[in-house]
Amino acid sequence: LLGNGYSSKPNPNDEISKRLVCGESNGRFTSEAEKTKRNVTLGTASGNTRIAKEIDLIHPCQSPYNFFTWSEQVADFTRDVVLKASSSSQAGVGVGAVAEVEKVTVVANSIGTITAFQSILDNPTLYNGAFIVNPNFRELHSAEVPLSDLSMPLIRQVQSLLRSKGQSVFDALAKPDTVKQILMEPYAISEAVDDTLVNVLLTPLLTPGASDVVFDTLSYSAGPLLEQQLREEGFPKVPVWITYGSKDPWTPPARVESLVDIDSVEKVIRLDGVGHCPH
């Protein structure tokens, strides 16, 4: 979410950076109508289906931190790093050999599922499938929040307050002991929450501008949703395997199991004794 790693992290408050890197504003949406999906079939915690009248795809803060930007980052990494490395390793193939077109299987956990599916939708020739571990259904999305007409105005006020005055809250939470305590919820295997894991997650949070990005992301109550993506006409015919943990406190098991009813999903596998973060 912080954008660390392959791509440079833009400042979400810098207007030039927004325009240059934002996946929402690079010609993806050519009309206002394309910014909203209507009458979309989504799941419920009990495993049933429901119809969402509207799904807003545009970040309410017009932030570059959105799934369309992250989709582009994953695709760039796939082309420039994964496939380039694979191509180099096959440089010694004999003359006359038929070179196969390389494709990649994308693996994602939690909220990364949405990024993975969006990258597959945007770049169908790059990928030959997806393996998902404990998908996230984005409970703070306006299409997922109960009684959204009443609750979203209040939620947006809290989000705005955090962005403008939340630095002290962020500083209080970005401590090793606090991070370790928070991680105990998604990790069913408590021994996995060691100092190394805490440092891996905490170090990016201590970089300049990290709090702006975190609050910007917490304000992301729009964008694509998992079932909507899988049911898109443009989703290629590639296999999707999904696993989930029986002790995952954040992922409703019946909703995950119901995903197998979608054509692209080949398997849904339950992992006993595993939390939201399985390792």
Protein backbone atom coordinates (compact mmCIF):
# COMPACT_ATOMS: atom_id res chain seq x y z
CA LEU A 1 0.00 0.00 0.00
CA LEU A 2 2.90 2.37 0.65
CA GLY A 3 4.24 1.91 -2.86
CA ASN A 4 7.68 0.90 -1.63
CA GLY A 5 9.74 -1.47 -3.72
CA TYR A 6 9.85 -1.53 -7.49
CA SER A 7 8.15 1.82 -8.12
CA SER A 8 9.01 5.15 -6.53
CA LYS A 9 6.47 6.40 -4.01
CA PRO A 10 4.79 9.62 -5.16
CA ASN A 11 3.65 12.27 -2.74
CA PRO A 12 -0.16 12.07 -2.73
CA ASN A 13 -0.34 15.79 -1.99
CA ASP A 14 1.75 16.79 -5.00
CA GLU A 15 -0.52 17.70 -7.92
CA ILE A 16 2.11 17.03 -10.60
CA SER A 17 2.88 13.59 -9.17
CA LYS A 18 -0.81 12.80 -9.04
CA ARG A 19 -1.30 13.50 -12.73
CA LEU A 20 1.86 11.68 -13.80
CA VAL A 21 1.38 8.42 -11.95
CA CYS A 22 -2.34 8.16 -11.17
CA GLY A 23 -3.84 5.14 -12.88
CA GLU A 24 -7.26 6.81 -12.85
CA SER A 25 -6.22 9.87 -14.84
CA ASN A 26 -4.10 8.47 -17.67
CA GLY A 27 -6.92 8.00 -20.17
CA ARG A 28 -8.47 4.94 -18.54
CA PHE A 29 -11.86 6.61 -18.13
CA THR A 30 -12.97 8.41 -21.27
CA SER A 31 -16.38 9.47 -19.95
CA GLU A 32 -18.12 10.15 -16.66
CA ALA A 33 -20.33 7.10 -17.16
CA GLU A 34 -17.28 4.80 -17.09
CA LYS A 35 -16.41 5.96 -13.57
CA THR A 36 -19.38 4.10 -12.09
CA LYS A 37 -20.49 0.47 -12.34
CA ARG A 38 -24.22 -0.11 -11.96
CA ASN A 39 -26.27 -3.11 -10.84
CA VAL A 40 -23.28 -5.27 -9.94
CA THR A 41 -23.64 -8.73 -8.38
CA LEU A 42 -21.68 -8.99 -5.13
CA GLY A 43 -21.54 -11.57 -2.35
CA THR A 44 -22.67 -11.53 1.26
CA ALA A 45 -21.10 -12.89 4.44
CA SER A 46 -23.63 -15.74 4.40
CA GLY A 47 -22.61 -16.82 0.90
CA ASN A 48 -25.61 -15.39 -0.92
CA THR A 49 -25.61 -12.72 -3.61
CA ARG A 50 -26.95 -9.19 -3.72
CA ILE A 51 -27.09 -6.37 -6.26
CA ALA A 52 -25.09 -3.19 -5.66
CA LYS A 53 -26.85 -0.35 -7.45
CA GLU A 54 -23.62 1.63 -7.86
CA ILE A 55 -19.89 1.07 -7.47
CA ASP A 56 -17.87 4.26 -7.63
CA LEU A 57 -14.49 3.52 -9.21
CA ILE A 58 -12.77 6.87 -8.56
CA HIS A 59 -10.85 7.54 -5.34
CA PRO A 60 -12.82 10.19 -3.41
CA CYS A 61 -9.57 12.09 -2.76
CA GLN A 62 -8.39 11.72 -6.37
CA SER A 63 -5.31 10.06 -4.94
CA PRO A 64 -2.66 8.24 -7.00
CA TYR A 65 -2.85 5.47 -4.42
CA ASN A 66 -5.55 3.38 -6.08
CA PHE A 67 -5.90 -0.08 -7.60
CA PHE A 68 -5.45 1.17 -11.15
CA THR A 69 -2.07 2.69 -10.27
CA TRP A 70 -1.06 -0.45 -8.38
CA SER A 71 -2.20 -2.58 -11.33
CA GLU A 72 0.17 -0.68 -13.58
CA GLN A 73 3.03 -1.13 -11.09
CA VAL A 74 2.48 -4.91 -10.99
CA ALA A 75 2.35 -5.08 -14.79
CA ASP A 76 5.53 -3.02 -15.11
CA PHE A 77 7.31 -5.29 -12.63
CA THR A 78 6.08 -8.35 -14.54
CA ARG A 79 7.40 -7.05 -17.86
CA ASP A 80 10.59 -5.32 -16.74
CA VAL A 81 11.79 -7.70 -14.03
CA VAL A 82 10.09 -11.11 -14.06
CA LEU A 83 9.84 -11.69 -17.81
CA LYS A 84 13.12 -9.96 -18.59
CA ALA A 85 14.92 -12.21 -16.10
CA SER A 86 13.21 -15.26 -17.61
CA SER A 87 14.19 -14.16 -21.11
CA SER A 88 17.82 -13.73 -20.08
CA SER A 89 17.94 -17.21 -18.54
CA GLN A 90 16.81 -18.70 -21.86
CA ALA A 91 19.36 -16.80 -23.93
CA GLY A 92 21.34 -19.99 -24.50
CA VAL A 93 18.49 -21.91 -26.15
CA GLY A 94 19.76 -23.57 -29.32
CA VAL A 95 19.28 -22.11 -32.78
CA GLY A 96 16.03 -23.23 -34.36
CA ALA A 97 14.29 -23.84 -31.04
CA VAL A 98 10.76 -22.48 -30.85
CA ALA A 99 10.54 -19.80 -28.13
CA GLU A 100 7.36 -19.98 -26.09
CA VAL A 101 5.56 -16.81 -25.10
CA GLU A 102 6.19 -16.43 -21.37
CA LYS A 103 3.32 -15.72 -19.03
CA VAL A 104 3.21 -15.23 -15.28
CA THR A 105 1.00 -16.53 -12.48
CA VAL A 106 0.23 -13.69 -10.08
CA VAL A 107 0.03 -14.52 -6.36
CA ALA A 108 -1.77 -12.18 -3.96
CA ASN A 109 -2.87 -11.95 -0.35
CA SER A 110 -5.67 -9.91 1.23
CA ILE A 111 -6.21 -6.48 -0.37
CA GLY A 112 -3.56 -7.36 -2.96
CA THR A 113 -6.21 -9.58 -4.55
CA ILE A 114 -7.91 -6.51 -6.03
CA THR A 115 -4.61 -5.27 -7.46
CA ALA A 116 -3.86 -8.70 -8.95
CA PHE A 117 -7.26 -9.03 -10.62
CA GLN A 118 -7.08 -5.47 -11.96
CA SER A 119 -3.66 -6.16 -13.46
CA ILE A 120 -5.04 -9.30 -15.13
CA LEU A 121 -7.98 -7.30 -16.51
CA ASP A 122 -5.69 -4.56 -17.79
CA ASN A 123 -3.04 -6.91 -19.21
CA PRO A 124 -4.69 -10.22 -20.13
CA THR A 125 -1.77 -11.39 -22.29
CA LEU A 126 0.72 -11.17 -19.40
CA TYR A 127 -0.81 -13.71 -17.05
CA ASN A 128 -1.77 -17.37 -17.13
CA GLY A 129 -3.61 -17.46 -13.81
CA ALA A 130 -3.91 -16.22 -10.23
CA PHE A 131 -3.39 -17.81 -6.83
CA ILE A 132 -5.16 -15.93 -4.04
CA VAL A 133 -4.57 -16.29 -0.30
CA ASN A 134 -7.30 -14.93 1.99
CA PRO A 135 -9.00 -12.37 -0.27
CA ASN A 136 -10.24 -9.08 1.12
CA PHE A 137 -13.74 -7.83 0.31
CA ARG A 138 -13.04 -4.17 1.20
CA GLU A 139 -15.50 -3.65 4.04
CA LEU A 140 -15.00 0.15 4.00
CA HIS A 141 -16.07 0.45 0.36
CA SER A 142 -19.26 2.48 -0.04
CA ALA A 143 -20.90 -0.52 -1.73
CA GLU A 144 -20.02 -2.77 1.23
CA VAL A 145 -20.90 -0.52 4.17
CA PRO A 146 -24.37 -1.21 5.63
CA LEU A 147 -26.87 1.64 5.19
CA SER A 148 -24.30 3.54 3.14
CA ASP A 149 -26.57 6.53 2.52
CA LEU A 150 -26.53 7.17 6.27
CA SER A 151 -23.14 5.83 7.30
CA MET A 152 -20.84 7.04 4.51
CA PRO A 153 -21.17 10.78 5.33
CA LEU A 154 -20.03 10.02 8.89
CA ILE A 155 -17.23 7.73 7.69
CA ARG A 156 -16.02 10.39 5.26
CA GLN A 157 -15.93 12.95 8.08
CA VAL A 158 -13.73 10.62 10.15
CA GLN A 159 -11.50 9.99 7.14
CA SER A 160 -11.14 13.72 6.52
CA LEU A 161 -10.32 14.32 10.19
CA LEU A 162 -7.61 11.66 10.10
CA ARG A 163 -6.04 13.15 6.99
CA SER A 164 -5.96 16.66 8.48
CA LYS A 165 -5.24 15.95 12.17
CA GLY A 166 -4.28 12.29 12.44
CA GLN A 167 -0.50 12.55 12.66
CA SER A 168 -0.46 12.19 16.46
CA VAL A 169 -2.62 9.06 16.23
CA PHE A 170 -0.31 7.64 13.58
CA ASP A 171 2.79 8.37 15.65
CA ALA A 172 1.25 6.65 18.68
CA LEU A 173 0.43 3.51 16.67
CA ALA A 174 3.66 3.28 14.69
CA LYS A 175 5.56 1.65 17.57
CA PRO A 176 7.01 -1.90 17.64
CA ASP A 177 4.88 -3.10 20.56
CA THR A 178 1.69 -1.65 19.08
CA VAL A 179 2.35 -3.11 15.63
CA LYS A 180 3.09 -6.52 17.18
CA GLN A 181 -0.19 -6.41 19.12
CA ILE A 182 -2.17 -5.47 16.02
CA LEU A 183 -0.57 -8.32 14.04
CA MET A 184 -1.71 -10.88 16.60
CA GLU A 185 -5.25 -10.62 15.21
CA PRO A 186 -4.62 -11.68 11.58
CA TYR A 187 -1.88 -14.17 12.49
CA ALA A 188 -3.33 -17.35 13.94
CA ILE A 189 0.24 -18.61 14.35
CA SER A 190 1.46 -16.21 17.04
CA GLU A 191 5.07 -17.44 16.78
CA ALA A 192 5.20 -15.89 13.30
CA VAL A 193 4.83 -12.41 14.79
CA ASP A 194 8.48 -11.91 15.66
CA ASP A 195 10.76 -8.86 15.65
CA THR A 196 11.81 -9.47 12.03
CA LEU A 197 8.21 -9.31 10.80
CA VAL A 198 7.48 -6.22 12.88
CA ASN A 199 10.55 -4.45 11.49
CA VAL A 200 9.65 -5.37 7.90
CA LEU A 201 6.25 -3.75 8.31
CA LEU A 202 7.23 -0.87 10.59
CA THR A 203 10.26 0.44 8.66
CA PRO A 204 8.22 1.74 5.67
CA LEU A 205 5.75 3.33 8.10
CA LEU A 206 8.54 5.48 9.52
CA THR A 207 9.58 6.99 6.17
CA PRO A 208 8.66 10.64 5.49
CA GLY A 209 5.15 11.00 4.10
CA ALA A 210 4.06 7.51 5.13
CA SER A 211 1.22 8.77 7.30
CA ASP A 212 -0.21 10.78 4.39
CA VAL A 213 -0.27 7.62 2.29
CA VAL A 214 -1.83 5.50 5.03
CA PHE A 215 -4.64 7.99 5.69
CA ASP A 216 -5.14 8.45 1.95
CA THR A 217 -5.54 4.69 1.60
CA LEU A 218 -7.91 4.46 4.56
CA SER A 219 -10.06 7.04 2.75
CA TYR A 220 -10.31 4.81 -0.33
CA SER A 221 -13.99 3.91 -0.06
CA ALA A 222 -14.35 3.46 -3.83
CA GLY A 223 -12.67 1.52 -6.62
CA PRO A 224 -13.11 -2.04 -7.92
CA LEU A 225 -14.45 -4.98 -5.91
CA LEU A 226 -13.46 -8.62 -6.11
CA GLU A 227 -16.66 -10.23 -7.44
CA GLN A 228 -17.20 -7.35 -9.86
CA GLN A 229 -13.72 -7.89 -11.33
CA LEU A 230 -14.13 -11.66 -11.69
CA ARG A 231 -17.43 -11.17 -13.51
CA GLU A 232 -16.12 -8.54 -15.93
CA GLU A 233 -16.49 -9.53 -19.59
CA GLY A 234 -12.85 -8.65 -20.12
CA PHE A 235 -11.52 -11.04 -17.46
CA PRO A 236 -9.52 -13.60 -19.46
CA LYS A 237 -10.18 -17.33 -19.31
CA VAL A 238 -7.34 -18.11 -16.91
CA PRO A 239 -7.63 -20.30 -13.80
CA VAL A 240 -8.05 -18.67 -10.40
CA TRP A 241 -7.34 -20.68 -7.25
CA ILE A 242 -8.32 -19.24 -3.88
CA THR A 243 -7.32 -20.38 -0.39
CA TYR A 244 -8.53 -19.06 2.94
CA GLY A 245 -7.79 -19.76 6.59
CA SER A 246 -10.38 -21.25 8.93
CA LYS A 247 -9.19 -18.84 11.64
CA ASP A 248 -9.19 -15.73 9.47
CA PRO A 249 -11.12 -13.09 11.47
CA TRP A 250 -11.51 -10.74 8.49
CA THR A 251 -12.65 -12.97 5.62
CA PRO A 252 -16.19 -14.46 5.80
CA PRO A 253 -15.73 -18.16 4.91
CA ALA A 254 -19.14 -18.59 3.25
CA ARG A 255 -18.48 -15.61 0.97
CA VAL A 256 -15.12 -17.05 -0.07
CA GLU A 257 -16.64 -20.49 -0.70
CA SER A 258 -19.31 -18.92 -2.93
CA LEU A 259 -16.63 -17.57 -5.28
CA VAL A 260 -16.35 -21.03 -6.83
CA ASP A 261 -19.68 -20.30 -8.55
CA ILE A 262 -17.91 -17.72 -10.73
CA ASP A 263 -16.63 -19.22 -13.98
CA SER A 264 -12.99 -18.11 -13.62
CA VAL A 265 -12.61 -19.62 -10.13
CA GLU A 266 -11.49 -23.24 -10.44
CA LYS A 267 -10.86 -24.05 -6.78
CA VAL A 268 -11.52 -22.69 -3.30
CA ILE A 269 -9.40 -24.40 -0.65
CA ARG A 270 -9.90 -24.13 3.12
CA LEU A 271 -6.73 -24.18 5.25
CA ASP A 272 -7.47 -25.34 8.79
CA GLY A 273 -5.86 -23.46 11.66
CA VAL A 274 -4.65 -20.63 9.44
CA GLY A 275 -5.33 -16.91 9.89
CA HIS A 276 -5.57 -14.01 7.45
CA CYS A 277 -1.79 -14.05 7.14
CA PRO A 278 -1.03 -17.75 6.68
CA HIS A 279 2.71 -18.04 7.23
